[in-house]
Amino acid sequence: LPEFKIQETIQNIISAQGVSFNDFINILILAPIIEELYFRKILMMHLQKTIGSFWAIFLSSMLFSAVHFNIISSPTLFTLGIYLGLIYLLTNNLISCVIIHVIFNSTMLLFIVN
């Protein structure tokens, strides 16, 4: 998993009072695709085989929230991780998870910019 310094990116957006093209691509395209591939497709599915669905969703969601390095947003990100984990478990459709993740990031970006 490549190192995405999301918090640094957000700080740059706030200080610059705008979103660069690279930030836009990273936040709204690359991060959702890479994070969903890793946290749902790879990690959660591996954990599901070893410890079951409940703990797989729980632990992958905890890690998902932890890698964003923001204690304030951790509960929201944990909840998003649970939601995305359940969607992936029930549908086995990663595209749905990516789309929801993009919508979530877009909403958060709108709050940060405005």
PDB file of N, CA and C in Angstrom:
ATOM      1  N   LEU A   1       0.854  -1.179   0.000  1.00  0.00           N
ATOM      2  CA  LEU A   1       0.000   0.000   0.000  1.00  0.00           C
ATOM      3  C   LEU A   1       0.896   1.237   0.000  1.00  0.00           C
ATOM      4  N   PRO A   2       0.771   2.076  -1.035  1.00  0.00           N
ATOM      5  CA  PRO A   2       1.596   3.283  -1.080  1.00  0.00           C
ATOM      6  C   PRO A   2       1.266   4.214   0.079  1.00  0.00           C
ATOM      7  N   GLU A   3       2.237   5.002   0.443  1.00  0.00           N
ATOM      8  CA  GLU A   3       2.030   5.921   1.557  1.00  0.00           C
ATOM      9  C   GLU A   3       1.293   7.158   1.065  1.00  0.00           C
ATOM     10  N   PHE A   4       0.052   7.303   1.527  1.00  0.00           N
ATOM     11  CA  PHE A   4      -0.742   8.491   1.240  1.00  0.00           C
ATOM     12  C   PHE A   4      -0.769   9.326   2.498  1.00  0.00           C
ATOM     13  N   LYS A   5      -0.217  10.511   2.441  1.00  0.00           N
ATOM     14  CA  LYS A   5      -0.235  11.400   3.600  1.00  0.00           C
ATOM     15  C   LYS A   5      -1.477  12.275   3.495  1.00  0.00           C
ATOM     16  N   ILE A   6      -2.610  11.647   3.758  1.00  0.00           N
ATOM     17  CA  ILE A   6      -3.884  12.338   3.597  1.00  0.00           C
ATOM     18  C   ILE A   6      -3.952  13.579   4.472  1.00  0.00           C
ATOM     19  N   GLN A   7      -3.534  13.464   5.719  1.00  0.00           N
ATOM     20  CA  GLN A   7      -3.623  14.624   6.609  1.00  0.00           C
ATOM     21  C   GLN A   7      -2.766  15.774   6.105  1.00  0.00           C
ATOM     22  N   GLU A   8      -1.605  15.483   5.602  1.00  0.00           N
ATOM     23  CA  GLU A   8      -0.749  16.531   5.033  1.00  0.00           C
ATOM     24  C   GLU A   8      -1.434  17.147   3.813  1.00  0.00           C
ATOM     25  N   THR A   9      -2.055  16.328   3.014  1.00  0.00           N
ATOM     26  CA  THR A   9      -2.780  16.810   1.843  1.00  0.00           C
ATOM     27  C   THR A   9      -3.900  17.750   2.256  1.00  0.00           C
ATOM     28  N   ILE A  10      -4.634  17.364   3.270  1.00  0.00           N
ATOM     29  CA  ILE A  10      -5.738  18.206   3.741  1.00  0.00           C
ATOM     30  C   ILE A  10      -5.211  19.525   4.295  1.00  0.00           C
ATOM     31  N   GLN A  11      -4.117  19.471   5.029  1.00  0.00           N
ATOM     32  CA  GLN A  11      -3.517  20.708   5.541  1.00  0.00           C
ATOM     33  C   GLN A  11      -3.091  21.616   4.400  1.00  0.00           C
ATOM     34  N   ASN A  12      -2.542  21.036   3.340  1.00  0.00           N
ATOM     35  CA  ASN A  12      -2.144  21.833   2.173  1.00  0.00           C
ATOM     36  C   ASN A  12      -3.349  22.460   1.486  1.00  0.00           C
ATOM     37  N   ILE A  13      -4.439  21.724   1.408  1.00  0.00           N
ATOM     38  CA  ILE A  13      -5.661  22.250   0.790  1.00  0.00           C
ATOM     39  C   ILE A  13      -6.189  23.432   1.598  1.00  0.00           C
ATOM     40  N   ILE A  14      -6.208  23.274   2.903  1.00  0.00           N
ATOM     41  CA  ILE A  14      -6.701  24.349   3.769  1.00  0.00           C
ATOM     42  C   ILE A  14      -5.809  25.583   3.659  1.00  0.00           C
ATOM     43  N   SER A  15      -4.493  25.388   3.703  1.00  0.00           N
ATOM     44  CA  SER A  15      -3.586  26.535   3.655  1.00  0.00           C
ATOM     45  C   SER A  15      -3.597  27.210   2.286  1.00  0.00           C
ATOM     46  N   ALA A  16      -3.773  26.425   1.233  1.00  0.00           N
ATOM     47  CA  ALA A  16      -3.802  27.001  -0.110  1.00  0.00           C
ATOM     48  C   ALA A  16      -5.202  27.474  -0.489  1.00  0.00           C
ATOM     49  N   GLN A  17      -6.195  27.105   0.310  1.00  0.00           N
ATOM     50  CA  GLN A  17      -7.597  27.420   0.057  1.00  0.00           C
ATOM     51  C   GLN A  17      -8.037  26.972  -1.331  1.00  0.00           C
ATOM     52  N   GLY A  18      -7.624  25.768  -1.673  1.00  0.00           N
ATOM     53  CA  GLY A  18      -8.015  25.202  -2.956  1.00  0.00           C
ATOM     54  C   GLY A  18      -7.459  23.803  -3.116  1.00  0.00           C
ATOM     55  N   VAL A  19      -7.914  23.139  -4.141  1.00  0.00           N
ATOM     56  CA  VAL A  19      -7.513  21.765  -4.404  1.00  0.00           C
ATOM     57  C   VAL A  19      -6.725  21.728  -5.700  1.00  0.00           C
ATOM     58  N   SER A  20      -5.502  21.206  -5.617  1.00  0.00           N
ATOM     59  CA  SER A  20      -4.711  21.053  -6.836  1.00  0.00           C
ATOM     60  C   SER A  20      -5.215  19.846  -7.621  1.00  0.00           C
ATOM     61  N   PHE A  21      -4.827  19.756  -8.862  1.00  0.00           N
ATOM     62  CA  PHE A  21      -5.221  18.623  -9.692  1.00  0.00           C
ATOM     63  C   PHE A  21      -4.713  17.318  -9.091  1.00  0.00           C
ATOM     64  N   ASN A  22      -3.470  17.318  -8.587  1.00  0.00           N
ATOM     65  CA  ASN A  22      -2.910  16.111  -7.967  1.00  0.00           C
ATOM     66  C   ASN A  22      -3.686  15.711  -6.716  1.00  0.00           C
ATOM     67  N   ASP A  23      -4.046  16.681  -5.889  1.00  0.00           N
ATOM     68  CA  ASP A  23      -4.853  16.385  -4.703  1.00  0.00           C
ATOM     69  C   ASP A  23      -6.194  15.781  -5.113  1.00  0.00           C
ATOM     70  N   PHE A  24      -6.802  16.367  -6.116  1.00  0.00           N
ATOM     71  CA  PHE A  24      -8.092  15.893  -6.606  1.00  0.00           C
ATOM     72  C   PHE A  24      -7.998  14.431  -7.044  1.00  0.00           C
ATOM     73  N   ILE A  25      -6.994  14.109  -7.839  1.00  0.00           N
ATOM     74  CA  ILE A  25      -6.796  12.731  -8.323  1.00  0.00           C
ATOM     75  C   ILE A  25      -6.527  11.788  -7.156  1.00  0.00           C
ATOM     76  N   ASN A  26      -5.651  12.199  -6.250  1.00  0.00           N
ATOM     77  CA  ASN A  26      -5.306  11.343  -5.101  1.00  0.00           C
ATOM     78  C   ASN A  26      -6.501  11.078  -4.197  1.00  0.00           C
ATOM     79  N   ILE A  27      -7.233  12.113  -3.849  1.00  0.00           N
ATOM     80  CA  ILE A  27      -8.321  11.989  -2.875  1.00  0.00           C
ATOM     81  C   ILE A  27      -9.554  11.327  -3.468  1.00  0.00           C
ATOM     82  N   LEU A  28      -9.882  11.669  -4.703  1.00  0.00           N
ATOM     83  CA  LEU A  28     -11.140  11.200  -5.266  1.00  0.00           C
ATOM     84  C   LEU A  28     -11.026   9.993  -6.189  1.00  0.00           C
ATOM     85  N   ILE A  29      -9.817   9.629  -6.589  1.00  0.00           N
ATOM     86  CA  ILE A  29      -9.682   8.481  -7.488  1.00  0.00           C
ATOM     87  C   ILE A  29      -8.719   7.435  -6.922  1.00  0.00           C
ATOM     88  N   LEU A  30      -7.466   7.816  -6.733  1.00  0.00           N
ATOM     89  CA  LEU A  30      -6.462   6.823  -6.322  1.00  0.00           C
ATOM     90  C   LEU A  30      -6.700   6.254  -4.928  1.00  0.00           C
ATOM     91  N   ALA A  31      -6.914   7.117  -3.947  1.00  0.00           N
ATOM     92  CA  ALA A  31      -7.093   6.632  -2.572  1.00  0.00           C
ATOM     93  C   ALA A  31      -8.280   5.673  -2.446  1.00  0.00           C
ATOM     94  N   PRO A  32      -9.466   6.005  -2.976  1.00  0.00           N
ATOM     95  CA  PRO A  32     -10.572   5.047  -2.850  1.00  0.00           C
ATOM     96  C   PRO A  32     -10.297   3.697  -3.518  1.00  0.00           C
ATOM     97  N   ILE A  33      -9.694   3.728  -4.688  1.00  0.00           N
ATOM     98  CA  ILE A  33      -9.412   2.462  -5.392  1.00  0.00           C
ATOM     99  C   ILE A  33      -8.395   1.636  -4.628  1.00  0.00           C
ATOM    100  N   ILE A  34      -7.275   2.246  -4.253  1.00  0.00           N
ATOM    101  CA  ILE A  34      -6.207   1.512  -3.561  1.00  0.00           C
ATOM    102  C   ILE A  34      -6.670   1.048  -2.185  1.00  0.00           C
ATOM    103  N   GLU A  35      -7.340   1.920  -1.443  1.00  0.00           N
ATOM    104  CA  GLU A  35      -7.787   1.549  -0.101  1.00  0.00           C
ATOM    105  C   GLU A  35      -8.839   0.441  -0.142  1.00  0.00           C
ATOM    106  N   GLU A  36      -9.762   0.504  -1.074  1.00  0.00           N
ATOM    107  CA  GLU A  36     -10.778  -0.554  -1.152  1.00  0.00           C
ATOM    108  C   GLU A  36     -10.171  -1.870  -1.618  1.00  0.00           C
ATOM    109  N   LEU A  37      -9.250  -1.806  -2.550  1.00  0.00           N
ATOM    110  CA  LEU A  37      -8.560  -3.040  -2.951  1.00  0.00           C
ATOM    111  C   LEU A  37      -7.864  -3.682  -1.757  1.00  0.00           C
ATOM    112  N   TYR A  38      -7.166  -2.868  -0.992  1.00  0.00           N
ATOM    113  CA  TYR A  38      -6.420  -3.425   0.133  1.00  0.00           C
ATOM    114  C   TYR A  38      -7.334  -3.813   1.300  1.00  0.00           C
ATOM    115  N   PHE A  39      -8.132  -2.882   1.797  1.00  0.00           N
ATOM    116  CA  PHE A  39      -8.880  -3.119   3.033  1.00  0.00           C
ATOM    117  C   PHE A  39     -10.051  -4.077   2.862  1.00  0.00           C
ATOM    118  N   ARG A  40     -10.722  -4.064   1.727  1.00  0.00           N
ATOM    119  CA  ARG A  40     -11.848  -4.969   1.545  1.00  0.00           C
ATOM    120  C   ARG A  40     -11.434  -6.236   0.796  1.00  0.00           C
ATOM    121  N   LYS A  41     -10.838  -6.083  -0.366  1.00  0.00           N
ATOM    122  CA  LYS A  41     -10.539  -7.238  -1.230  1.00  0.00           C
ATOM    123  C   LYS A  41      -9.439  -8.123  -0.654  1.00  0.00           C
ATOM    124  N   ILE A  42      -8.362  -7.521  -0.190  1.00  0.00           N
ATOM    125  CA  ILE A  42      -7.221  -8.321   0.275  1.00  0.00           C
ATOM    126  C   ILE A  42      -7.313  -8.613   1.766  1.00  0.00           C
ATOM    127  N   LEU A  43      -7.275  -7.572   2.590  1.00  0.00           N
ATOM    128  CA  LEU A  43      -7.199  -7.764   4.042  1.00  0.00           C
ATOM    129  C   LEU A  43      -8.464  -8.404   4.612  1.00  0.00           C
ATOM    130  N   MET A  44      -9.616  -7.832   4.337  1.00  0.00           N
ATOM    131  CA  MET A  44     -10.845  -8.347   4.922  1.00  0.00           C
ATOM    132  C   MET A  44     -11.114  -9.781   4.478  1.00  0.00           C
ATOM    133  N   MET A  45     -10.899 -10.077   3.209  1.00  0.00           N
ATOM    134  CA  MET A  45     -11.152 -11.436   2.719  1.00  0.00           C
ATOM    135  C   MET A  45     -10.175 -12.436   3.344  1.00  0.00           C
ATOM    136  N   HIS A  46      -8.925 -12.033   3.532  1.00  0.00           N
ATOM    137  CA  HIS A  46      -7.965 -12.906   4.201  1.00  0.00           C
ATOM    138  C   HIS A  46      -8.379 -13.147   5.656  1.00  0.00           C
ATOM    139  N   LEU A  47      -8.731 -12.075   6.339  1.00  0.00           N
ATOM    140  CA  LEU A  47      -9.154 -12.212   7.732  1.00  0.00           C
ATOM    141  C   LEU A  47     -10.436 -13.041   7.854  1.00  0.00           C
ATOM    142  N   GLN A  48     -11.328 -12.895   6.908  1.00  0.00           N
ATOM    143  CA  GLN A  48     -12.587 -13.649   6.953  1.00  0.00           C
ATOM    144  C   GLN A  48     -12.318 -15.158   6.931  1.00  0.00           C
ATOM    145  N   LYS A  49     -11.340 -15.567   6.148  1.00  0.00           N
ATOM    146  CA  LYS A  49     -10.997 -16.998   6.073  1.00  0.00           C
ATOM    147  C   LYS A  49     -10.408 -17.509   7.377  1.00  0.00           C
ATOM    148  N   THR A  50      -9.721 -16.626   8.110  1.00  0.00           N
ATOM    149  CA  THR A  50      -9.030 -17.077   9.319  1.00  0.00           C
ATOM    150  C   THR A  50      -9.801 -16.826  10.607  1.00  0.00           C
ATOM    151  N   ILE A  51     -10.564 -15.713  10.683  1.00  0.00           N
ATOM    152  CA  ILE A  51     -11.235 -15.394  11.957  1.00  0.00           C
ATOM    153  C   ILE A  51     -12.730 -15.128  11.820  1.00  0.00           C
ATOM    154  N   GLY A  52     -13.279 -15.262  10.628  1.00  0.00           N
ATOM    155  CA  GLY A  52     -14.709 -15.064  10.438  1.00  0.00           C
ATOM    156  C   GLY A  52     -15.072 -13.648  10.006  1.00  0.00           C
ATOM    157  N   SER A  53     -16.299 -13.512   9.533  1.00  0.00           N
ATOM    158  CA  SER A  53     -16.764 -12.247   8.943  1.00  0.00           C
ATOM    159  C   SER A  53     -16.815 -11.095   9.934  1.00  0.00           C
ATOM    160  N   PHE A  54     -17.372 -11.335  11.126  1.00  0.00           N
ATOM    161  CA  PHE A  54     -17.507 -10.258  12.103  1.00  0.00           C
ATOM    162  C   PHE A  54     -16.160  -9.627  12.423  1.00  0.00           C
ATOM    163  N   TRP A  55     -15.204 -10.455  12.824  1.00  0.00           N
ATOM    164  CA  TRP A  55     -13.892  -9.927  13.212  1.00  0.00           C
ATOM    165  C   TRP A  55     -13.112  -9.389  12.022  1.00  0.00           C
ATOM    166  N   ALA A  56     -13.332  -9.964  10.846  1.00  0.00           N
ATOM    167  CA  ALA A  56     -12.661  -9.460   9.643  1.00  0.00           C
ATOM    168  C   ALA A  56     -13.104  -8.037   9.343  1.00  0.00           C
ATOM    169  N   ILE A  57     -14.409  -7.801   9.414  1.00  0.00           N
ATOM    170  CA  ILE A  57     -14.927  -6.453   9.168  1.00  0.00           C
ATOM    171  C   ILE A  57     -14.464  -5.510  10.276  1.00  0.00           C
ATOM    172  N   PHE A  58     -14.555  -5.944  11.518  1.00  0.00           N
ATOM    173  CA  PHE A  58     -14.168  -5.116  12.652  1.00  0.00           C
ATOM    174  C   PHE A  58     -12.683  -4.712  12.571  1.00  0.00           C
ATOM    175  N   LEU A  59     -11.799  -5.688  12.411  1.00  0.00           N
ATOM    176  CA  LEU A  59     -10.354  -5.402  12.407  1.00  0.00           C
ATOM    177  C   LEU A  59      -9.927  -4.607  11.173  1.00  0.00           C
ATOM    178  N   SER A  60     -10.473  -4.942  10.012  1.00  0.00           N
ATOM    179  CA  SER A  60     -10.093  -4.177   8.815  1.00  0.00           C
ATOM    180  C   SER A  60     -10.597  -2.739   8.914  1.00  0.00           C
ATOM    181  N   SER A  61     -11.741  -2.535   9.567  1.00  0.00           N
ATOM    182  CA  SER A  61     -12.260  -1.176   9.770  1.00  0.00           C
ATOM    183  C   SER A  61     -11.420  -0.396  10.771  1.00  0.00           C
ATOM    184  N   MET A  62     -10.965  -1.081  11.818  1.00  0.00           N
ATOM    185  CA  MET A  62     -10.073  -0.430  12.796  1.00  0.00           C
ATOM    186  C   MET A  62      -8.785   0.029  12.106  1.00  0.00           C
ATOM    187  N   LEU A  63      -8.199  -0.857  11.303  1.00  0.00           N
ATOM    188  CA  LEU A  63      -6.963  -0.506  10.604  1.00  0.00           C
ATOM    189  C   LEU A  63      -7.211   0.605   9.582  1.00  0.00           C
ATOM    190  N   PHE A  64      -8.341   0.526   8.887  1.00  0.00           N
ATOM    191  CA  PHE A  64      -8.719   1.563   7.919  1.00  0.00           C
ATOM    192  C   PHE A  64      -8.763   2.937   8.586  1.00  0.00           C
ATOM    193  N   SER A  65      -9.378   3.012   9.755  1.00  0.00           N
ATOM    194  CA  SER A  65      -9.453   4.310  10.451  1.00  0.00           C
ATOM    195  C   SER A  65      -8.085   4.718  11.000  1.00  0.00           C
ATOM    196  N   ALA A  66      -7.294   3.755  11.451  1.00  0.00           N
ATOM    197  CA  ALA A  66      -5.987   4.071  12.048  1.00  0.00           C
ATOM    198  C   ALA A  66      -4.990   4.619  11.031  1.00  0.00           C
ATOM    199  N   VAL A  67      -5.015   4.107   9.795  1.00  0.00           N
ATOM    200  CA  VAL A  67      -4.014   4.549   8.815  1.00  0.00           C
ATOM    201  C   VAL A  67      -4.232   5.982   8.337  1.00  0.00           C
ATOM    202  N   HIS A  68      -5.351   6.560   8.671  1.00  0.00           N
ATOM    203  CA  HIS A  68      -5.596   7.950   8.292  1.00  0.00           C
ATOM    204  C   HIS A  68      -5.001   8.933   9.306  1.00  0.00           C
ATOM    205  N   PHE A  69      -4.487   8.422  10.403  1.00  0.00           N
ATOM    206  CA  PHE A  69      -3.744   9.214  11.392  1.00  0.00           C
ATOM    207  C   PHE A  69      -4.475  10.474  11.852  1.00  0.00           C
ATOM    208  N   ASN A  70      -5.757  10.325  12.155  1.00  0.00           N
ATOM    209  CA  ASN A  70      -6.522  11.469  12.635  1.00  0.00           C
ATOM    210  C   ASN A  70      -7.504  10.989  13.695  1.00  0.00           C
ATOM    211  N   ILE A  71      -7.187  11.235  14.950  1.00  0.00           N
ATOM    212  CA  ILE A  71      -7.996  10.753  16.059  1.00  0.00           C
ATOM    213  C   ILE A  71      -9.414  11.328  16.023  1.00  0.00           C
ATOM    214  N   ILE A  72      -9.558  12.539  15.521  1.00  0.00           N
ATOM    215  CA  ILE A  72     -10.872  13.178  15.469  1.00  0.00           C
ATOM    216  C   ILE A  72     -11.795  12.481  14.469  1.00  0.00           C
ATOM    217  N   SER A  73     -11.245  12.077  13.337  1.00  0.00           N
ATOM    218  CA  SER A  73     -12.087  11.435  12.327  1.00  0.00           C
ATOM    219  C   SER A  73     -12.126   9.913  12.454  1.00  0.00           C
ATOM    220  N   SER A  74     -11.401   9.355  13.402  1.00  0.00           N
ATOM    221  CA  SER A  74     -11.361   7.892  13.544  1.00  0.00           C
ATOM    222  C   SER A  74     -12.730   7.241  13.708  1.00  0.00           C
ATOM    223  N   PRO A  75     -13.624   7.752  14.560  1.00  0.00           N
ATOM    224  CA  PRO A  75     -14.941   7.105  14.680  1.00  0.00           C
ATOM    225  C   PRO A  75     -15.734   7.109  13.365  1.00  0.00           C
ATOM    226  N   THR A  76     -15.657   8.216  12.642  1.00  0.00           N
ATOM    227  CA  THR A  76     -16.359   8.299  11.359  1.00  0.00           C
ATOM    228  C   THR A  76     -15.761   7.329  10.355  1.00  0.00           C
ATOM    229  N   LEU A  77     -14.437   7.278  10.303  1.00  0.00           N
ATOM    230  CA  LEU A  77     -13.772   6.371   9.360  1.00  0.00           C
ATOM    231  C   LEU A  77     -13.987   4.916   9.741  1.00  0.00           C
ATOM    232  N   PHE A  78     -14.024   4.624  11.038  1.00  0.00           N
ATOM    233  CA  PHE A  78     -14.313   3.259  11.492  1.00  0.00           C
ATOM    234  C   PHE A  78     -15.722   2.854  11.049  1.00  0.00           C
ATOM    235  N   THR A  79     -16.681   3.754  11.230  1.00  0.00           N
ATOM    236  CA  THR A  79     -18.058   3.486  10.816  1.00  0.00           C
ATOM    237  C   THR A  79     -18.150   3.288   9.309  1.00  0.00           C
ATOM    238  N   LEU A  80     -17.449   4.127   8.554  1.00  0.00           N
ATOM    239  CA  LEU A  80     -17.406   3.962   7.100  1.00  0.00           C
ATOM    240  C   LEU A  80     -16.815   2.605   6.743  1.00  0.00           C
ATOM    241  N   GLY A  81     -15.745   2.213   7.435  1.00  0.00           N
ATOM    242  CA  GLY A  81     -15.127   0.914   7.181  1.00  0.00           C
ATOM    243  C   GLY A  81     -16.084  -0.238   7.434  1.00  0.00           C
ATOM    244  N   ILE A  82     -16.851  -0.158   8.523  1.00  0.00           N
ATOM    245  CA  ILE A  82     -17.862  -1.189   8.825  1.00  0.00           C
ATOM    246  C   ILE A  82     -18.891  -1.255   7.695  1.00  0.00           C
ATOM    247  N   TYR A  83     -19.381  -0.098   7.297  1.00  0.00           N
ATOM    248  CA  TYR A  83     -20.382  -0.010   6.236  1.00  0.00           C
ATOM    249  C   TYR A  83     -19.839  -0.607   4.928  1.00  0.00           C
ATOM    250  N   LEU A  84     -18.637  -0.203   4.544  1.00  0.00           N
ATOM    251  CA  LEU A  84     -18.038  -0.720   3.308  1.00  0.00           C
ATOM    252  C   LEU A  84     -17.764  -2.215   3.411  1.00  0.00           C
ATOM    253  N   GLY A  85     -17.336  -2.665   4.585  1.00  0.00           N
ATOM    254  CA  GLY A  85     -17.096  -4.092   4.786  1.00  0.00           C
ATOM    255  C   GLY A  85     -18.366  -4.904   4.635  1.00  0.00           C
ATOM    256  N   LEU A  86     -19.464  -4.412   5.211  1.00  0.00           N
ATOM    257  CA  LEU A  86     -20.746  -5.108   5.080  1.00  0.00           C
ATOM    258  C   LEU A  86     -21.219  -5.140   3.631  1.00  0.00           C
ATOM    259  N   ILE A  87     -21.064  -4.022   2.949  1.00  0.00           N
ATOM    260  CA  ILE A  87     -21.463  -3.972   1.534  1.00  0.00           C
ATOM    261  C   ILE A  87     -20.652  -4.980   0.724  1.00  0.00           C
ATOM    262  N   TYR A  88     -19.346  -5.006   0.960  1.00  0.00           N
ATOM    263  CA  TYR A  88     -18.528  -5.943   0.195  1.00  0.00           C
ATOM    264  C   TYR A  88     -18.864  -7.390   0.552  1.00  0.00           C
ATOM    265  N   LEU A  89     -19.088  -7.656   1.821  1.00  0.00           N
ATOM    266  CA  LEU A  89     -19.435  -9.000   2.262  1.00  0.00           C
ATOM    267  C   LEU A  89     -20.752  -9.463   1.624  1.00  0.00           C
ATOM    268  N   LEU A  90     -21.741  -8.578   1.579  1.00  0.00           N
ATOM    269  CA  LEU A  90     -23.063  -8.943   1.072  1.00  0.00           C
ATOM    270  C   LEU A  90     -23.148  -8.976  -0.453  1.00  0.00           C
ATOM    271  N   THR A  91     -22.363  -8.133  -1.127  1.00  0.00           N
ATOM    272  CA  THR A  91     -22.490  -8.025  -2.587  1.00  0.00           C
ATOM    273  C   THR A  91     -21.310  -8.607  -3.352  1.00  0.00           C
ATOM    274  N   ASN A  92     -20.168  -8.715  -2.689  1.00  0.00           N
ATOM    275  CA  ASN A  92     -18.918  -9.127  -3.340  1.00  0.00           C
ATOM    276  C   ASN A  92     -18.606  -8.221  -4.539  1.00  0.00           C
ATOM    277  N   ASN A  93     -18.986  -6.951  -4.409  1.00  0.00           N
ATOM    278  CA  ASN A  93     -18.815  -5.984  -5.484  1.00  0.00           C
ATOM    279  C   ASN A  93     -17.944  -4.834  -4.993  1.00  0.00           C
ATOM    280  N   LEU A  94     -16.687  -4.846  -5.395  1.00  0.00           N
ATOM    281  CA  LEU A  94     -15.736  -3.831  -4.954  1.00  0.00           C
ATOM    282  C   LEU A  94     -16.044  -2.460  -5.561  1.00  0.00           C
ATOM    283  N   ILE A  95     -16.604  -2.451  -6.765  1.00  0.00           N
ATOM    284  CA  ILE A  95     -16.928  -1.182  -7.425  1.00  0.00           C
ATOM    285  C   ILE A  95     -17.911  -0.368  -6.573  1.00  0.00           C
ATOM    286  N   SER A  96     -18.893  -1.028  -5.974  1.00  0.00           N
ATOM    287  CA  SER A  96     -19.841  -0.325  -5.105  1.00  0.00           C
ATOM    288  C   SER A  96     -19.122   0.346  -3.946  1.00  0.00           C
ATOM    289  N   CYS A  97     -18.163  -0.372  -3.360  1.00  0.00           N
ATOM    290  CA  CYS A  97     -17.391   0.183  -2.244  1.00  0.00           C
ATOM    291  C   CYS A  97     -16.563   1.379  -2.696  1.00  0.00           C
ATOM    292  N   VAL A  98     -15.958   1.284  -3.862  1.00  0.00           N
ATOM    293  CA  VAL A  98     -15.153   2.395  -4.386  1.00  0.00           C
ATOM    294  C   VAL A  98     -16.041   3.613  -4.625  1.00  0.00           C
ATOM    295  N   ILE A  99     -17.206   3.408  -5.196  1.00  0.00           N
ATOM    296  CA  ILE A  99     -18.120   4.527  -5.475  1.00  0.00           C
ATOM    297  C   ILE A  99     -18.554   5.206  -4.176  1.00  0.00           C
ATOM    298  N   ILE A 100     -18.916   4.424  -3.169  1.00  0.00           N
ATOM    299  CA  ILE A 100     -19.306   4.997  -1.877  1.00  0.00           C
ATOM    300  C   ILE A 100     -18.133   5.738  -1.258  1.00  0.00           C
ATOM    301  N   HIS A 101     -16.934   5.189  -1.369  1.00  0.00           N
ATOM    302  CA  HIS A 101     -15.733   5.828  -0.836  1.00  0.00           C
ATOM    303  C   HIS A 101     -15.480   7.161  -1.552  1.00  0.00           C
ATOM    304  N   VAL A 102     -15.652   7.178  -2.864  1.00  0.00           N
ATOM    305  CA  VAL A 102     -15.484   8.419  -3.638  1.00  0.00           C
ATOM    306  C   VAL A 102     -16.509   9.461  -3.186  1.00  0.00           C
ATOM    307  N   ILE A 103     -17.754   9.041  -2.989  1.00  0.00           N
ATOM    308  CA  ILE A 103     -18.795   9.965  -2.529  1.00  0.00           C
ATOM    309  C   ILE A 103     -18.448  10.515  -1.146  1.00  0.00           C
ATOM    310  N   PHE A 104     -17.994   9.643  -0.256  1.00  0.00           N
ATOM    311  CA  PHE A 104     -17.591  10.076   1.080  1.00  0.00           C
ATOM    312  C   PHE A 104     -16.447  11.095   0.998  1.00  0.00           C
ATOM    313  N   ASN A 105     -15.389  10.764   0.248  1.00  0.00           N
ATOM    314  CA  ASN A 105     -14.255  11.682   0.119  1.00  0.00           C
ATOM    315  C   ASN A 105     -14.664  13.001  -0.534  1.00  0.00           C
ATOM    316  N   SER A 106     -15.559  12.935  -1.513  1.00  0.00           N
ATOM    317  CA  SER A 106     -16.037  14.159  -2.161  1.00  0.00           C
ATOM    318  C   SER A 106     -16.772  15.052  -1.170  1.00  0.00           C
ATOM    319  N   THR A 107     -17.614  14.436  -0.357  1.00  0.00           N
ATOM    320  CA  THR A 107     -18.355  15.191   0.655  1.00  0.00           C
ATOM    321  C   THR A 107     -17.404  15.839   1.652  1.00  0.00           C
ATOM    322  N   MET A 108     -16.428  15.074   2.127  1.00  0.00           N
ATOM    323  CA  MET A 108     -15.453  15.617   3.081  1.00  0.00           C
ATOM    324  C   MET A 108     -14.634  16.736   2.449  1.00  0.00           C
ATOM    325  N   LEU A 109     -14.275  16.569   1.195  1.00  0.00           N
ATOM    326  CA  LEU A 109     -13.506  17.594   0.498  1.00  0.00           C
ATOM    327  C   LEU A 109     -14.311  18.887   0.362  1.00  0.00           C
ATOM    328  N   LEU A 110     -15.591  18.765   0.102  1.00  0.00           N
ATOM    329  CA  LEU A 110     -16.451  19.951   0.017  1.00  0.00           C
ATOM    330  C   LEU A 110     -16.486  20.689   1.362  1.00  0.00           C
ATOM    331  N   PHE A 111     -16.564  19.944   2.455  1.00  0.00           N
ATOM    332  CA  PHE A 111     -16.551  20.570   3.786  1.00  0.00           C
ATOM    333  C   PHE A 111     -15.232  21.262   4.057  1.00  0.00           C
ATOM    334  N   ILE A 112     -14.138  20.671   3.629  1.00  0.00           N
ATOM    335  CA  ILE A 112     -12.805  21.238   3.890  1.00  0.00           C
ATOM    336  C   ILE A 112     -12.603  22.500   3.064  1.00  0.00           C
ATOM    337  N   VAL A 113     -12.993  22.477   1.808  1.00  0.00           N
ATOM    338  CA  VAL A 113     -12.760  23.614   0.915  1.00  0.00           C
ATOM    339  C   VAL A 113     -13.683  24.775   1.260  1.00  0.00           C
ATOM    340  N   ASN A 114     -14.904  24.465   1.654  1.00  0.00           N
ATOM    341  CA  ASN A 114     -15.862  25.544   1.963  1.00  0.00           C
ATOM    342  C   ASN A 114     -15.773  25.914   3.371  1.00  0.00           C
TER     343      ASN A 114
END
